[in-house]
């Protein structure tokens, strides 16, 4: 990085465990060319208190409607349910949005058109799918479909409404693996918004 080059202003839309982790890493200097300028959260008082764990930086704590005005890049780290609202706030200001909650994309089917109308840009973090770049390259050729098999520990599914409606109960250990879902990436995101960001990223 050139000494005279200004740092890229970065903001966080969402300040839960993921947002706080990113803030701590930026505070530690993990990305020296970036400066955390603002965080947005529903509970502003709680967000201000959590900012106290940062040692070097003091980002502004602002409502979601203001966060995109504080930075060139906004990292979306909210929830799948809040994704459409967050995306509109960021892209509507013509900012670059780095989306971590890919499971929320199906809830905003017109996101690409919305971004284009407002000169915004969106990048979906590939997260747990290191081969996503390879898949993207293959899609330039003759690839027509991709199959994703996921294995998730049963305890992670405790309390999932979709599975409870199907009669599954994973509070007790299983004797053998059980198939609980077969469907499209969009259907997986709707049924399991906390678990299938990878499927949504792959479908894009």
Protein backbone atom coordinates (compact mmCIF):
# COMPACT_ATOMS: atom_id res chain seq x y z
CA UNK A 1 0.00 0.00 0.00
CA UNK A 2 1.28 3.44 -0.91
CA UNK A 3 1.79 5.67 2.11
CA UNK A 4 -0.15 8.53 0.55
CA UNK A 5 -3.15 6.48 -0.60
CA UNK A 6 -6.29 6.98 1.51
CA UNK A 7 -7.75 3.94 3.18
CA UNK A 8 -10.90 2.35 1.84
CA UNK A 9 -13.83 3.18 4.08
CA UNK A 10 -15.68 0.05 5.20
CA UNK A 11 -18.93 -0.21 7.16
CA UNK A 12 -20.76 -3.16 8.69
CA UNK A 13 -24.51 -3.68 8.29
CA UNK A 14 -25.18 -5.95 11.24
CA UNK A 15 -23.20 -6.15 14.46
CA UNK A 16 -23.84 -9.60 15.84
CA UNK A 17 -21.14 -12.23 16.36
CA UNK A 18 -19.97 -12.11 12.72
CA UNK A 19 -19.93 -8.32 12.51
CA UNK A 20 -18.10 -8.02 15.81
CA UNK A 21 -15.49 -10.54 14.66
CA UNK A 22 -14.86 -8.56 11.47
CA UNK A 23 -14.61 -5.35 13.49
CA UNK A 24 -12.05 -6.90 15.84
CA UNK A 25 -9.94 -8.12 12.93
CA UNK A 26 -9.97 -4.67 11.33
CA UNK A 27 -9.13 -3.16 14.70
CA UNK A 28 -6.12 -5.49 14.87
CA UNK A 29 -4.91 -4.27 11.49
CA UNK A 30 -5.68 -7.44 9.54
CA UNK A 31 -6.51 -5.32 6.48
CA UNK A 32 -4.31 -2.23 6.72
CA UNK A 33 -5.71 -0.66 3.54
CA UNK A 34 -9.22 -0.59 5.06
CA UNK A 35 -10.74 1.63 7.73
CA UNK A 36 -13.88 0.68 9.64
CA UNK A 37 -15.93 3.87 9.69
CA UNK A 38 -19.39 2.76 10.80
CA UNK A 39 -21.55 -0.08 12.05
CA UNK A 40 -25.33 -0.39 11.83
CA UNK A 41 -27.54 -2.45 14.10
CA UNK A 42 -31.15 -2.54 15.25
CA UNK A 43 -30.11 -2.07 18.88
CA UNK A 44 -27.88 1.00 18.70
CA UNK A 45 -27.18 1.12 22.45
CA UNK A 46 -26.00 -2.49 22.43
CA UNK A 47 -23.85 -1.83 19.36
CA UNK A 48 -22.22 1.15 21.07
CA UNK A 49 -21.46 -0.99 24.10
CA UNK A 50 -19.96 -3.74 21.92
CA UNK A 51 -17.75 -1.19 20.18
CA UNK A 52 -16.07 -0.77 23.54
CA UNK A 53 -14.18 -4.02 22.91
CA UNK A 54 -12.30 -2.35 20.06
CA UNK A 55 -8.93 -0.93 21.05
CA UNK A 56 -7.82 1.39 18.26
CA UNK A 57 -10.85 2.40 16.27
CA UNK A 58 -14.18 3.97 17.15
CA UNK A 59 -16.61 3.53 14.26
CA UNK A 60 -19.79 5.56 14.19
CA UNK A 61 -22.87 3.63 15.29
CA UNK A 62 -25.72 4.55 12.97
CA UNK A 63 -29.17 3.35 11.85
CA UNK A 64 -29.29 1.08 8.83
CA UNK A 65 -30.63 3.92 6.69
CA UNK A 66 -27.41 5.88 7.27
CA UNK A 67 -24.70 3.21 7.10
CA UNK A 68 -24.08 3.31 3.33
CA UNK A 69 -23.38 7.03 3.50
CA UNK A 70 -20.39 6.32 5.75
CA UNK A 71 -18.35 4.05 3.46
CA UNK A 72 -17.51 2.90 -0.05
CA UNK A 73 -17.90 -0.78 0.86
CA UNK A 74 -20.56 -2.15 3.19
CA UNK A 75 -20.30 -5.70 4.51
CA UNK A 76 -23.73 -7.22 5.03
CA UNK A 77 -23.56 -9.47 8.08
CA UNK A 78 -27.13 -9.39 9.32
CA UNK A 79 -29.65 -12.25 8.97
CA UNK A 80 -31.29 -13.88 5.98
CA UNK A 81 -34.62 -12.41 7.10
CA UNK A 82 -33.21 -8.88 7.16
CA UNK A 83 -31.35 -9.28 3.86
CA UNK A 84 -33.79 -7.43 1.54
CA UNK A 85 -34.00 -4.39 3.82
CA UNK A 86 -30.23 -4.28 4.27
CA UNK A 87 -29.54 -4.75 0.56
CA UNK A 88 -31.89 -1.92 -0.43
CA UNK A 89 -30.25 0.44 2.07
CA UNK A 90 -26.77 -0.31 0.72
CA UNK A 91 -27.36 -0.68 -3.00
CA UNK A 92 -29.79 2.23 -3.02
CA UNK A 93 -26.85 4.49 -2.20
CA UNK A 94 -24.81 3.09 -5.09
CA UNK A 95 -22.34 1.29 -2.84
CA UNK A 96 -20.48 -1.99 -3.16
CA UNK A 97 -22.16 -4.59 -0.96
CA UNK A 98 -20.28 -7.66 0.23
CA UNK A 99 -23.04 -10.06 1.19
CA UNK A 100 -22.43 -12.77 3.78
CA UNK A 101 -26.07 -13.86 4.19
CA UNK A 102 -26.46 -15.48 0.80
CA UNK A 103 -29.47 -17.38 2.14
CA UNK A 104 -31.40 -14.13 1.97
CA UNK A 105 -30.91 -13.63 -1.76
CA UNK A 106 -34.07 -15.57 -2.81
CA UNK A 107 -36.14 -13.15 -0.72
CA UNK A 108 -34.96 -10.32 -2.99
CA UNK A 109 -35.32 -11.80 -6.50
CA UNK A 110 -34.88 -8.42 -8.21
CA UNK A 111 -31.64 -7.58 -6.41
CA UNK A 112 -29.52 -7.38 -9.56
CA UNK A 113 -31.99 -5.07 -11.31
CA UNK A 114 -32.23 -2.93 -8.17
CA UNK A 115 -28.46 -2.66 -7.93
CA UNK A 116 -28.15 -1.69 -11.59
CA UNK A 117 -30.82 1.01 -11.30
CA UNK A 118 -28.98 2.62 -8.39
CA UNK A 119 -25.42 2.04 -9.69
CA UNK A 120 -24.75 -0.33 -6.81
CA UNK A 121 -22.68 -3.49 -6.93
CA UNK A 122 -22.96 -6.76 -5.04
CA UNK A 123 -20.50 -9.53 -4.29
CA UNK A 124 -21.56 -12.77 -2.62
CA UNK A 125 -18.94 -14.15 -0.24
CA UNK A 126 -18.21 -17.76 -1.22
CA UNK A 127 -17.49 -18.73 2.39
CA UNK A 128 -17.36 -22.50 2.83
CA UNK A 129 -17.20 -23.27 -0.90
CA UNK A 130 -13.53 -22.82 -1.94
CA UNK A 131 -14.24 -24.27 -5.39
CA UNK A 132 -16.77 -21.59 -6.29
CA UNK A 133 -14.34 -19.82 -8.63
CA UNK A 134 -13.79 -23.09 -10.49
CA UNK A 135 -17.53 -23.62 -10.79
CA UNK A 136 -17.93 -20.06 -12.08
CA UNK A 137 -15.32 -20.70 -14.75
CA UNK A 138 -16.94 -23.99 -15.73
CA UNK A 139 -20.27 -22.20 -16.12
CA UNK A 140 -18.77 -20.28 -19.03
CA UNK A 141 -18.72 -23.57 -20.91
CA UNK A 142 -21.36 -26.28 -21.16
CA UNK A 143 -22.17 -26.93 -17.49
CA UNK A 144 -25.94 -27.06 -16.94
CA UNK A 145 -26.38 -28.17 -13.34
CA UNK A 146 -24.47 -28.79 -10.13
CA UNK A 147 -25.35 -31.17 -7.31
CA UNK A 148 -24.42 -30.27 -3.74
CA UNK A 149 -24.44 -32.89 -0.98
CA UNK A 150 -24.25 -31.49 2.56
CA UNK A 151 -23.79 -33.36 5.82
CA UNK A 152 -24.73 -31.45 8.96
CA UNK A 153 -24.58 -32.68 12.53
CA UNK A 154 -28.08 -33.42 13.85
CA UNK A 155 -27.73 -31.13 16.86
CA UNK A 156 -27.48 -28.16 14.49
CA UNK A 157 -31.00 -28.91 13.28
CA UNK A 158 -32.65 -28.80 16.70
CA UNK A 159 -35.41 -26.22 16.59
CA UNK A 160 -35.58 -25.98 12.79
CA UNK A 161 -39.26 -25.36 12.03
CA UNK A 162 -39.13 -27.03 8.61
CA UNK A 163 -37.89 -30.33 10.07
CA UNK A 164 -40.23 -30.21 13.04
CA UNK A 165 -43.16 -29.89 10.63
CA UNK A 166 -41.85 -33.01 8.88
CA UNK A 167 -41.86 -34.91 12.17
CA UNK A 168 -38.09 -35.01 12.74
CA UNK A 169 -36.65 -34.72 16.26
CA UNK A 170 -32.87 -34.45 16.50
CA UNK A 171 -32.60 -33.85 20.23
CA UNK A 172 -31.39 -37.43 20.63
CA UNK A 173 -28.32 -38.93 18.84
CA UNK A 174 -28.97 -40.83 15.61
CA UNK A 175 -27.86 -44.38 14.95
CA UNK A 176 -27.24 -43.67 11.26
CA UNK A 177 -27.39 -40.79 8.76
CA UNK A 178 -30.84 -39.57 7.71
CA UNK A 179 -31.71 -37.73 4.51
CA UNK A 180 -33.95 -34.81 5.45
CA UNK A 181 -34.11 -32.71 2.31
CA UNK A 182 -33.83 -32.88 -1.47
CA UNK A 183 -34.54 -29.82 -3.56
CA UNK A 184 -33.27 -26.72 -5.31
CA UNK A 185 -30.97 -24.10 -3.82
CA UNK A 186 -33.89 -21.68 -3.54
CA UNK A 187 -35.97 -24.28 -1.68
CA UNK A 188 -33.04 -25.08 0.62
CA UNK A 189 -32.59 -21.43 1.53
CA UNK A 190 -36.28 -21.07 2.34
CA UNK A 191 -36.31 -24.21 4.48
CA UNK A 192 -32.94 -23.71 6.20
CA UNK A 193 -31.94 -20.02 6.09
CA UNK A 194 -29.24 -20.54 8.74
CA UNK A 195 -27.48 -23.40 6.99
CA UNK A 196 -27.43 -23.11 3.19
CA UNK A 197 -25.57 -19.97 2.21
CA UNK A 198 -23.29 -22.30 0.25
CA UNK A 199 -26.17 -23.61 -1.85
CA UNK A 200 -27.34 -20.10 -2.69
CA UNK A 201 -23.82 -18.99 -3.62
CA UNK A 202 -23.48 -22.02 -5.87
CA UNK A 203 -26.83 -21.38 -7.56
CA UNK A 204 -25.79 -17.83 -8.45
